[in-house]
Amino acid sequence: MTRIPLLGLAAASVVVLLTAACAPTKDDARVVIFAAASTVEVVTQVAEQVQSERPGAQITVTYGGSADLAAQILEGAPAAVFLSADEAQMATVTEQTRVGTPQVFATNYLTIVVPAGNPAGVTGLADLEDADLVSVVCAVQVPCGAATAELATLDGLTLSPASQENSVTDVLGKVSSGQADAGVVYVSDVGRVAGVEEVPIAGADRVIN
């Protein structure tokens, strides 16, 4: 499947994955989807489209960090579809469950979010080396955290986050609530909450999830 930027992803682009899971079942079937937090907007849109076309379909979506979702699946959680934020977590699940053939359906990259007005004057990733700046990132075992660490290494930076979170949703929450001066998330996350604005990371497209 062609890789497309997540920000511009149309509902029809993902519907292949969702309806493929529904196709062999009855219209009133229940389909459980485990999806990375960074896909919440587009998956919600697609799920609504599928349900409008098949009113009896019951689509349940659980969002979270890809590592946490993968762990739940490996422990027996009944997910029919897994949308991971990176290929590493997907590989872990497919290798151990031997179910399904992964397909890349979108790409994403990182950016910085700050509270509206950017009160701390953040200009780029290098500012997150300052321990006096309250910054938050994803934990390294989470795809967005692994990507953040890789990007920092490429730029020769040593970041000093105040905390490492389990998902981009948690990072967004701390920035939007004013608990942090800056956070690293995906570009697709910027519009998910009110009260934040974006500070682009130069060369962020060198690390693609």
Protein backbone atom coordinates (compact mmCIF):
# COMPACT_ATOMS: atom_id res chain seq x y z
CA MET A 1 0.00 0.00 0.00
CA THR A 2 1.29 3.47 -0.84
CA ARG A 3 2.69 5.49 2.04
CA ILE A 4 0.82 8.74 2.55
CA PRO A 5 1.36 11.51 5.12
CA LEU A 6 -1.02 10.98 8.03
CA LEU A 7 -2.09 14.62 8.03
CA GLY A 8 -3.48 14.29 4.53
CA LEU A 9 -4.84 10.79 4.94
CA ALA A 10 -8.34 10.43 3.53
CA ALA A 11 -10.86 8.06 5.09
CA ALA A 12 -10.89 5.89 1.98
CA SER A 13 -7.18 5.23 2.37
CA VAL A 14 -7.59 3.38 5.65
CA VAL A 15 -10.99 1.87 5.04
CA VAL A 16 -9.32 -1.03 3.21
CA LEU A 17 -7.81 -2.17 6.48
CA LEU A 18 -11.01 -1.83 8.45
CA THR A 19 -13.43 -3.30 5.95
CA ALA A 20 -11.02 -6.13 5.24
CA ALA A 21 -11.48 -7.14 8.86
CA CYS A 22 -15.24 -6.80 8.54
CA ALA A 23 -15.70 -8.46 5.15
CA PRO A 24 -15.86 -12.13 6.16
CA THR A 25 -18.32 -11.41 8.96
CA LYS A 26 -21.98 -10.51 9.28
CA ASP A 27 -23.12 -6.89 9.23
CA ASP A 28 -23.78 -6.98 12.96
CA ALA A 29 -20.25 -8.26 13.73
CA ARG A 30 -18.16 -6.60 16.42
CA VAL A 31 -14.71 -5.53 15.26
CA VAL A 32 -12.13 -4.56 17.87
CA ILE A 33 -9.40 -2.20 16.72
CA PHE A 34 -6.25 -1.32 18.66
CA ALA A 35 -4.83 1.93 17.26
CA ALA A 36 -1.88 4.17 18.09
CA ALA A 37 -2.94 7.39 19.80
CA SER A 38 -1.59 9.45 16.90
CA THR A 39 -4.22 7.97 14.56
CA VAL A 40 -7.28 8.92 16.62
CA GLU A 41 -8.77 11.52 14.25
CA VAL A 42 -8.51 9.53 11.06
CA VAL A 43 -9.54 6.22 12.63
CA THR A 44 -12.58 7.86 14.21
CA GLN A 45 -13.54 9.25 10.80
CA VAL A 46 -13.08 5.89 9.09
CA ALA A 47 -14.97 3.98 11.79
CA GLU A 48 -17.89 6.39 11.46
CA GLN A 49 -17.87 5.94 7.68
CA VAL A 50 -17.87 2.15 7.94
CA GLN A 51 -20.69 2.19 10.48
CA SER A 52 -22.76 4.52 8.30
CA GLU A 53 -22.36 2.08 5.40
CA ARG A 54 -23.00 -0.97 7.60
CA PRO A 55 -25.32 0.19 10.42
CA GLY A 56 -25.20 -3.15 12.18
CA ALA A 57 -21.43 -3.18 12.50
CA GLN A 58 -20.06 -2.64 15.99
CA ILE A 59 -16.62 -1.07 15.86
CA THR A 60 -14.75 -0.68 19.13
CA VAL A 61 -11.47 1.26 19.11
CA THR A 62 -8.89 1.27 21.88
CA TYR A 63 -6.22 3.98 21.58
CA GLY A 64 -2.88 4.03 23.33
CA GLY A 65 0.87 3.80 22.96
CA SER A 66 1.85 1.18 20.38
CA ALA A 67 4.08 -0.67 22.86
CA ASP A 68 1.25 -0.94 25.40
CA LEU A 69 -1.21 -2.08 22.74
CA ALA A 70 1.22 -4.67 21.41
CA ALA A 71 1.74 -6.03 24.92
CA GLN A 72 -2.03 -6.34 25.43
CA ILE A 73 -2.43 -8.21 22.14
CA LEU A 74 0.36 -10.62 23.06
CA GLU A 75 -1.37 -11.21 26.39
CA GLY A 76 -4.52 -12.26 24.55
CA ALA A 77 -6.52 -9.08 23.99
CA PRO A 78 -9.01 -9.78 21.15
CA ALA A 79 -7.89 -7.20 18.58
CA ALA A 80 -8.99 -7.81 15.00
CA VAL A 81 -6.96 -4.87 13.64
CA PHE A 82 -3.74 -3.37 15.04
CA LEU A 83 -2.61 0.04 13.80
CA SER A 84 0.89 0.58 15.16
CA ALA A 85 2.84 3.83 15.06
CA ASP A 86 5.96 1.99 13.95
CA GLU A 87 7.00 -1.18 12.21
CA ALA A 88 9.00 -2.52 15.16
CA GLN A 89 5.93 -3.03 17.38
CA MET A 90 4.03 -4.50 14.45
CA ALA A 91 6.88 -6.94 13.78
CA THR A 92 6.81 -8.08 17.41
CA VAL A 93 3.09 -8.82 17.22
CA THR A 94 3.13 -10.56 13.85
CA GLU A 95 6.18 -12.66 14.69
CA GLN A 96 4.66 -13.94 17.92
CA THR A 97 1.03 -14.32 16.81
CA ARG A 98 1.74 -15.38 13.20
CA VAL A 99 -1.50 -13.69 12.18
CA GLY A 100 -1.95 -11.24 9.32
CA THR A 101 0.38 -9.46 6.90
CA PRO A 102 1.39 -5.91 7.91
CA GLN A 103 0.98 -3.04 5.46
CA VAL A 104 2.28 0.52 5.75
CA PHE A 105 -0.76 2.77 5.38
CA ALA A 106 0.65 6.16 6.38
CA THR A 107 3.77 8.00 7.49
CA ASN A 108 4.30 10.55 10.24
CA TYR A 109 7.11 12.64 11.69
CA LEU A 110 7.83 14.70 14.78
CA THR A 111 7.28 18.31 15.79
CA ILE A 112 7.26 20.37 18.98
CA VAL A 113 4.10 21.63 20.65
CA VAL A 114 4.09 24.53 23.09
CA PRO A 115 1.33 26.35 24.98
CA ALA A 116 -0.42 29.04 22.93
CA GLY A 117 1.77 32.08 22.59
CA ASN A 118 4.93 30.02 23.20
CA PRO A 119 5.68 31.71 26.55
CA ALA A 120 9.05 29.97 26.95
CA GLY A 121 10.20 31.12 23.51
CA VAL A 122 11.03 27.64 22.21
CA THR A 123 12.60 27.74 18.75
CA GLY A 124 13.73 24.19 18.08
CA LEU A 125 14.77 20.80 19.41
CA ALA A 126 18.06 22.14 20.80
CA ASP A 127 16.11 24.17 23.37
CA LEU A 128 15.00 20.90 24.97
CA GLU A 129 18.58 20.34 26.15
CA ASP A 130 17.98 23.06 28.77
CA ALA A 131 17.02 21.43 32.07
CA ASP A 132 15.39 24.71 33.15
CA LEU A 133 12.87 24.32 30.33
CA VAL A 134 10.08 21.96 31.39
CA SER A 135 9.83 19.62 28.44
CA VAL A 136 8.14 16.24 28.00
CA VAL A 137 8.76 13.49 25.48
CA CYS A 138 7.55 9.95 24.93
CA ALA A 139 9.44 7.14 26.65
CA VAL A 140 12.03 5.52 24.40
CA GLN A 141 10.14 2.20 24.27
CA VAL A 142 7.22 4.04 22.64
CA PRO A 143 7.56 4.76 18.89
CA CYS A 144 7.40 8.55 19.28
CA GLY A 145 10.07 8.31 22.00
CA ALA A 146 12.33 6.12 19.90
CA ALA A 147 11.97 8.57 17.02
CA THR A 148 12.72 11.51 19.33
CA ALA A 149 15.88 9.82 20.60
CA GLU A 150 17.00 9.04 17.05
CA LEU A 151 16.41 12.61 15.90
CA ALA A 152 18.30 14.01 18.91
CA THR A 153 21.24 11.68 18.16
CA LEU A 154 21.33 12.79 14.53
CA ASP A 155 21.58 16.40 15.72
CA GLY A 156 24.14 15.61 18.44
CA LEU A 157 21.74 16.70 21.19
CA THR A 158 21.21 15.42 24.72
CA LEU A 159 17.65 16.25 25.70
CA SER A 160 16.71 16.93 29.33
CA PRO A 161 12.99 16.14 29.61
CA ALA A 162 11.19 16.62 32.91
CA SER A 163 9.25 13.42 32.20
CA GLN A 164 8.89 10.63 29.68
CA GLU A 165 5.32 9.65 28.85
CA ASN A 166 3.72 6.44 27.56
CA SER A 167 1.96 8.08 24.60
CA VAL A 168 1.73 11.29 22.62
CA THR A 169 -1.67 11.86 24.24
CA ASP A 170 0.05 12.18 27.62
CA VAL A 171 2.63 14.58 26.17
CA LEU A 172 -0.14 16.71 24.66
CA GLY A 173 -2.03 16.73 27.94
CA LYS A 174 0.91 18.10 29.89
CA VAL A 175 1.60 20.85 27.37
CA SER A 176 -2.03 21.89 26.87
CA SER A 177 -2.63 22.00 30.63
CA GLY A 178 0.40 24.22 31.19
CA GLN A 179 2.39 21.60 33.09
CA ALA A 180 5.14 21.71 30.45
CA ASP A 181 6.75 24.39 28.31
CA ALA A 182 7.20 22.09 25.34
CA GLY A 183 6.62 18.53 24.18
CA VAL A 184 7.59 16.38 21.22
CA VAL A 185 4.68 14.80 19.34
CA TYR A 186 3.75 13.85 15.79
CA VAL A 187 2.67 16.52 13.31
CA SER A 188 -0.72 14.80 13.19
CA ASP A 189 -1.22 15.56 16.90
CA VAL A 190 -0.99 19.35 16.79
CA GLY A 191 -4.66 19.88 16.02
CA ARG A 192 -5.93 17.33 18.55
CA VAL A 193 -6.20 19.72 21.49
CA ALA A 194 -6.89 23.41 21.97
CA GLY A 195 -4.41 25.80 23.53
CA VAL A 196 -1.23 24.61 21.83
CA GLU A 197 0.78 25.67 18.82
CA GLU A 198 3.53 24.11 16.74
CA VAL A 199 7.25 24.81 16.61
CA PRO A 200 8.59 22.81 13.65
CA ILE A 201 11.73 20.71 14.07
CA ALA A 202 14.29 21.35 11.33
CA GLY A 203 15.05 18.11 9.52
CA ALA A 204 12.30 16.15 11.27
CA ASP A 205 11.60 14.29 8.03
CA ARG A 206 14.89 12.42 8.48
CA VAL A 207 13.10 10.18 10.97
CA ILE A 208 9.83 8.84 9.61
CA ASN A 209 7.42 6.56 11.51
